[in-house]
Amino acid sequence: MQAPDMNEVVGSHDLLLVTLDTLRYDVAAQLAAEGRIPNLARHLPGGVWEKRHAPGSFTYASHQAIFAGFLPTPASPGPHPRMFAARFAGSETTAGRTWVFDTPDLVSGLADAGYRTVCIGGVGFFNKQGALGSVLPGLFQESHWEPEFGVASPTSFEAQVACAEKAVAGLPDDQRLFLFVNASALHQPNWFHLPGATREAGDSIETHAAALEYIDRHIGRLFAAASSRRRCFTVVCSDHGTAYGDDGYTGHRLGHKAVWTVPYAHFFLEPGAAR
């Protein structure tokens, strides 16, 4: 997937980054092919997800890499030029179309470039309830987390989108925005997103898929808010996958293809994108 010249994007566009926490590539690709995530699929180039490799096997590691400019890497031999990169001597993935920043992370780099940086947290690494859960949201000028945004909430994404809408509405029209949303709905537990599923039966590939369908039903509101003021460059990806008994593995923070293989897309949202 060819990236735009980010030196032309940064400074002129708003930016939206959505991480669909724990989303597996195979599930995402299947749902797109079956027409089960129409609101996402209409923005995917060619209607399909790009297969990529995650920069980490669990949320904290992957987001530290993403916020340093290391988005998921195309699942083909490289090198692959990056869209964002810290100035670093000898970097083999910094190219002419890369937006280079002089701070330790992308978030502060965008803040230095005049962006308002806003985090809508999801999983526990964004909950600000302890030192570890404060590291990632602490990179942002403004960060939000409530229990309603967390993994145990059946309406987590709706609550996150409402928070994002409020944050965008409160900005001056001329203020550039970097909005980050970590969607927690796919993370375990997700059984409650599938009608008829039970806590006792637990999570499965099917409940994982139902959680993605739930996100799709509401993501149009997020896209509309992010593009309500000007054209918005958007990245939607997973930070890592998760295993549901694959080859005997369950969960993530492990080296299995179900964890390392993730869906990715970037695209532009035109001003006033329809919900």
Protein backbone atom coordinates (compact mmCIF):
# COMPACT_ATOMS: atom_id res chain seq x y z
CA MET A 1 0.00 0.00 0.00
CA GLN A 2 1.64 3.21 -1.23
CA ALA A 3 1.85 5.86 1.46
CA PRO A 4 1.31 9.53 0.67
CA ASP A 5 4.09 12.06 1.15
CA MET A 6 3.62 12.65 4.86
CA ASN A 7 5.51 15.94 4.66
CA GLU A 8 2.51 17.24 2.71
CA VAL A 9 -0.04 15.66 5.06
CA VAL A 10 1.35 16.73 8.43
CA GLY A 11 0.43 20.33 9.08
CA SER A 12 -2.41 20.46 6.57
CA HIS A 13 -4.60 17.52 7.67
CA ASP A 14 -6.05 16.23 10.89
CA LEU A 15 -4.79 12.76 11.83
CA LEU A 16 -6.70 9.77 13.22
CA LEU A 17 -5.08 6.56 14.46
CA VAL A 18 -7.36 3.71 15.55
CA THR A 19 -5.90 0.53 17.00
CA LEU A 20 -8.40 -2.33 17.08
CA ASP A 21 -6.83 -4.07 20.03
CA THR A 22 -6.11 -7.80 19.49
CA LEU A 23 -7.83 -8.00 16.07
CA ARG A 24 -6.65 -10.99 14.06
CA TYR A 25 -5.93 -10.62 10.36
CA ASP A 26 -7.80 -13.76 9.32
CA VAL A 27 -10.99 -12.69 11.07
CA ALA A 28 -10.78 -9.13 9.72
CA ALA A 29 -10.17 -10.37 6.15
CA GLN A 30 -13.00 -12.89 6.31
CA LEU A 31 -15.54 -10.36 7.58
CA ALA A 32 -14.57 -7.83 4.91
CA ALA A 33 -14.91 -10.48 2.18
CA GLU A 34 -18.32 -11.55 3.49
CA GLY A 35 -19.66 -8.00 3.64
CA ARG A 36 -20.05 -8.08 7.41
CA ILE A 37 -18.13 -4.85 8.15
CA PRO A 38 -19.48 -2.47 5.50
CA ASN A 39 -18.60 0.77 7.28
CA LEU A 40 -14.95 -0.20 7.53
CA ALA A 41 -14.76 -1.95 4.17
CA ARG A 42 -15.97 1.08 2.22
CA HIS A 43 -12.77 2.88 3.26
CA LEU A 44 -10.33 0.00 2.78
CA PRO A 45 -8.33 0.35 -0.45
CA GLY A 46 -9.92 -2.15 -2.82
CA GLY A 47 -12.23 -3.20 0.01
CA VAL A 48 -9.55 -5.39 1.60
CA TRP A 49 -7.20 -5.21 4.55
CA GLU A 50 -3.45 -5.23 4.00
CA LYS A 51 -1.67 -8.09 5.75
CA ARG A 52 1.07 -6.79 8.02
CA HIS A 53 3.30 -7.92 10.89
CA ALA A 54 2.76 -6.41 14.33
CA PRO A 55 5.66 -4.54 15.96
CA GLY A 56 4.92 -6.26 19.29
CA SER A 57 3.01 -9.26 20.64
CA PHE A 58 0.99 -7.38 23.27
CA THR A 59 -0.49 -3.93 23.75
CA TYR A 60 2.24 -2.15 25.68
CA ALA A 61 5.14 -3.26 23.50
CA SER A 62 3.27 -2.68 20.26
CA HIS A 63 2.04 0.79 21.16
CA GLN A 64 5.46 1.91 22.35
CA ALA A 65 6.72 0.95 18.89
CA ILE A 66 3.78 2.55 17.07
CA PHE A 67 4.22 5.80 18.96
CA ALA A 68 7.89 5.77 17.95
CA GLY A 69 6.82 5.60 14.30
CA PHE A 70 6.99 1.83 13.83
CA LEU A 71 3.53 0.98 12.50
CA PRO A 72 2.83 -2.65 11.54
CA THR A 73 5.23 -3.71 8.77
CA PRO A 74 4.04 -5.05 5.37
CA ALA A 75 4.17 -8.84 5.36
CA SER A 76 6.64 -9.03 2.47
CA PRO A 77 10.39 -8.60 2.12
CA GLY A 78 11.54 -5.02 2.68
CA PRO A 79 12.89 -2.60 3.52
CA HIS A 80 9.61 -0.71 3.79
CA PRO A 81 9.85 3.09 4.15
CA ARG A 82 7.93 4.39 7.13
CA MET A 83 5.42 7.23 7.18
CA PHE A 84 6.73 8.63 10.47
CA ALA A 85 10.21 8.34 11.93
CA ALA A 86 12.33 9.92 14.64
CA ARG A 87 15.53 11.44 13.31
CA PHE A 88 17.97 8.58 13.73
CA ALA A 89 21.35 8.17 12.04
CA GLY A 90 21.51 5.09 9.87
CA SER A 91 17.76 4.45 9.71
CA GLU A 92 17.10 2.24 6.67
CA THR A 93 13.34 2.91 6.63
CA THR A 94 13.41 6.72 6.63
CA ALA A 95 12.78 7.98 3.10
CA GLY A 96 11.92 11.21 1.31
CA ARG A 97 8.18 10.76 1.93
CA THR A 98 8.71 10.10 5.64
CA TRP A 99 7.73 12.82 8.10
CA VAL A 100 10.74 13.04 10.44
CA PHE A 101 10.43 14.37 13.98
CA ASP A 102 13.07 15.40 16.50
CA THR A 103 11.32 14.29 19.69
CA PRO A 104 11.44 10.83 21.29
CA ASP A 105 7.98 9.88 20.01
CA LEU A 106 5.47 10.70 17.30
CA VAL A 107 2.93 12.14 19.73
CA SER A 108 5.23 14.83 21.08
CA GLY A 109 6.57 15.40 17.57
CA LEU A 110 3.09 16.22 16.35
CA ALA A 111 2.50 18.43 19.39
CA ASP A 112 5.66 20.37 18.48
CA ALA A 113 4.21 20.73 14.97
CA GLY A 114 1.14 22.43 16.41
CA TYR A 115 -1.23 19.49 16.82
CA ARG A 116 -3.57 18.96 19.75
CA THR A 117 -2.90 15.35 20.78
CA VAL A 118 -5.85 13.45 22.23
CA CYS A 119 -5.95 9.86 23.50
CA ILE A 120 -9.17 7.89 24.02
CA GLY A 121 -7.92 4.86 25.93
CA GLY A 122 -9.37 1.37 26.00
CA VAL A 123 -7.49 -1.58 27.51
CA GLY A 124 -5.76 -1.50 30.87
CA PHE A 125 -2.49 -0.03 29.61
CA PHE A 126 -4.44 3.21 29.06
CA ASN A 127 -6.51 3.30 32.25
CA LYS A 128 -4.26 5.73 34.21
CA GLN A 129 -4.99 3.76 37.40
CA GLY A 130 -1.35 3.14 38.15
CA ALA A 131 2.15 4.03 37.01
CA LEU A 132 2.23 1.52 34.14
CA GLY A 133 -1.24 2.42 32.93
CA SER A 134 -0.22 6.08 32.79
CA VAL A 135 2.82 5.76 30.51
CA LEU A 136 1.06 5.60 27.13
CA PRO A 137 -1.72 8.13 27.82
CA GLY A 138 0.93 10.35 29.42
CA LEU A 139 2.42 10.96 25.97
CA PHE A 140 -0.66 12.99 25.02
CA GLN A 141 -1.70 16.52 25.91
CA GLU A 142 -5.21 15.25 26.62
CA SER A 143 -6.19 11.72 27.57
CA HIS A 144 -9.45 10.05 28.53
CA TRP A 145 -10.33 6.73 30.13
CA GLU A 146 -13.38 5.55 32.03
CA PRO A 147 -14.48 2.06 33.09
CA GLU A 148 -17.10 2.27 30.33
CA PHE A 149 -14.23 2.31 27.79
CA GLY A 150 -12.67 -0.88 29.14
CA VAL A 151 -12.70 -4.52 28.12
CA ALA A 152 -15.51 -5.52 30.49
CA SER A 153 -18.02 -3.06 29.01
CA PRO A 154 -20.39 -4.37 26.31
CA THR A 155 -20.81 -0.77 25.09
CA SER A 156 -17.16 0.27 25.23
CA PHE A 157 -16.77 1.52 21.69
CA GLU A 158 -19.97 3.55 21.76
CA ALA A 159 -18.70 5.29 24.90
CA GLN A 160 -15.29 5.91 23.34
CA VAL A 161 -16.84 7.40 20.21
CA ALA A 162 -19.02 9.72 22.28
CA CYS A 163 -15.92 10.92 24.11
CA ALA A 164 -14.11 11.50 20.82
CA GLU A 165 -17.05 13.48 19.45
CA LYS A 166 -16.99 15.73 22.50
CA ALA A 167 -13.21 16.22 22.29
CA VAL A 168 -13.37 17.20 18.62
CA ALA A 169 -16.32 19.53 19.14
CA GLY A 170 -14.39 21.43 21.82
CA LEU A 171 -11.51 22.39 19.52
CA PRO A 172 -11.14 25.69 17.66
CA ASP A 173 -11.68 25.23 13.93
CA ASP A 174 -8.09 26.17 13.10
CA GLN A 175 -6.53 23.75 15.61
CA ARG A 176 -4.95 20.68 13.97
CA LEU A 177 -5.78 17.40 15.72
CA PHE A 178 -4.07 14.06 16.26
CA LEU A 179 -6.77 11.77 17.65
CA PHE A 180 -5.84 8.30 18.88
CA VAL A 181 -8.44 5.69 19.83
CA ASN A 182 -7.56 2.30 21.31
CA ALA A 183 -10.70 0.20 20.78
CA SER A 184 -10.97 -2.40 23.54
CA ALA A 185 -14.08 -4.29 22.36
CA LEU A 186 -12.19 -7.13 20.63
CA HIS A 187 -10.04 -7.88 23.66
CA GLN A 188 -11.08 -10.66 25.96
CA PRO A 189 -13.77 -10.87 27.32
CA ASN A 190 -15.77 -10.47 24.14
CA TRP A 191 -18.37 -13.24 24.47
CA PHE A 192 -21.14 -10.74 25.20
CA HIS A 193 -20.99 -9.34 21.65
CA LEU A 194 -22.44 -12.55 20.17
CA PRO A 195 -26.16 -13.15 20.83
CA GLY A 196 -26.62 -16.46 22.59
CA ALA A 197 -23.02 -16.76 23.78
CA THR A 198 -22.45 -17.26 27.50
CA ARG A 199 -19.82 -16.35 30.05
CA GLU A 200 -19.44 -20.03 30.84
CA ALA A 201 -18.66 -20.94 27.22
CA GLY A 202 -16.18 -18.06 27.06
CA ASP A 203 -14.60 -16.29 24.10
CA SER A 204 -14.04 -17.76 20.64
CA ILE A 205 -13.24 -16.85 17.07
CA GLU A 206 -16.98 -16.30 16.60
CA THR A 207 -17.28 -13.85 19.50
CA HIS A 208 -14.11 -12.09 18.30
CA ALA A 209 -15.79 -11.63 14.91
CA ALA A 210 -18.99 -10.39 16.54
CA ALA A 211 -16.96 -7.76 18.43
CA LEU A 212 -15.56 -6.47 15.13
CA GLU A 213 -19.09 -6.26 13.73
CA TYR A 214 -20.05 -4.27 16.83
CA ILE A 215 -17.21 -1.81 16.21
CA ASP A 216 -18.23 -1.50 12.57
CA ARG A 217 -21.76 -0.47 13.55
CA HIS A 218 -20.42 2.59 15.35
CA ILE A 219 -17.17 3.53 13.61
CA GLY A 220 -18.95 5.75 11.11
CA ARG A 221 -19.62 8.20 13.93
CA LEU A 222 -15.92 8.29 14.75
CA PHE A 223 -14.97 8.87 11.12
CA ALA A 224 -17.57 11.64 10.86
CA ALA A 225 -16.21 13.39 13.95
CA ALA A 226 -12.58 13.07 12.84
CA SER A 227 -13.34 14.60 9.44
CA SER A 228 -15.85 17.19 10.64
CA ARG A 229 -13.40 20.11 10.35
CA ARG A 230 -11.05 19.23 7.50
CA ARG A 231 -9.62 16.33 5.51
CA CYS A 232 -8.34 13.64 7.84
CA PHE A 233 -5.56 11.12 7.20
CA THR A 234 -6.56 7.91 8.94
CA VAL A 235 -4.75 4.73 9.97
CA VAL A 236 -6.79 1.76 11.22
CA CYS A 237 -4.87 -1.31 12.30
CA SER A 238 -4.47 -3.96 14.94
CA ASP A 239 -1.66 -3.79 17.46
CA HIS A 240 -1.44 -7.59 17.63
CA GLY A 241 -3.69 -10.61 17.22
CA THR A 242 -4.68 -13.24 19.73
CA ALA A 243 -4.97 -17.03 19.77
CA TYR A 244 -8.08 -19.06 20.49
CA GLY A 245 -6.56 -22.51 20.83
CA ASP A 246 -4.49 -22.23 17.64
CA ASP A 247 -1.89 -25.03 17.83
CA GLY A 248 -2.68 -25.20 21.53
CA TYR A 249 -2.02 -21.51 22.19
CA THR A 250 -4.43 -19.13 23.87
CA GLY A 251 -4.09 -15.37 24.25
CA HIS A 252 -1.19 -13.19 23.12
CA ARG A 253 2.29 -12.09 24.27
CA LEU A 254 3.53 -15.16 22.44
CA GLY A 255 5.13 -15.93 19.08
CA HIS A 256 2.34 -17.41 16.96
CA LYS A 257 1.22 -16.26 13.50
CA ALA A 258 -2.26 -15.54 14.89
CA VAL A 259 -0.61 -12.93 17.11
CA TRP A 260 1.98 -11.50 14.70
CA THR A 261 -0.26 -11.22 11.63
CA VAL A 262 -2.51 -8.17 11.71
CA PRO A 263 -4.81 -6.14 9.44
CA TYR A 264 -3.85 -2.62 8.40
CA ALA A 265 -5.26 0.21 6.27
CA HIS A 266 -4.64 3.90 5.73
CA PHE A 267 -6.87 6.28 3.81
CA PHE A 268 -8.17 9.83 3.68
CA LEU A 269 -11.53 10.85 5.10
CA GLU A 270 -12.98 13.75 3.19
CA PRO A 271 -14.45 16.66 5.18
CA GLY A 272 -17.87 15.82 6.53
CA ALA A 273 -17.59 12.08 5.91
CA ALA A 274 -21.01 10.47 6.21
CA ARG A 275 -21.73 8.40 9.26
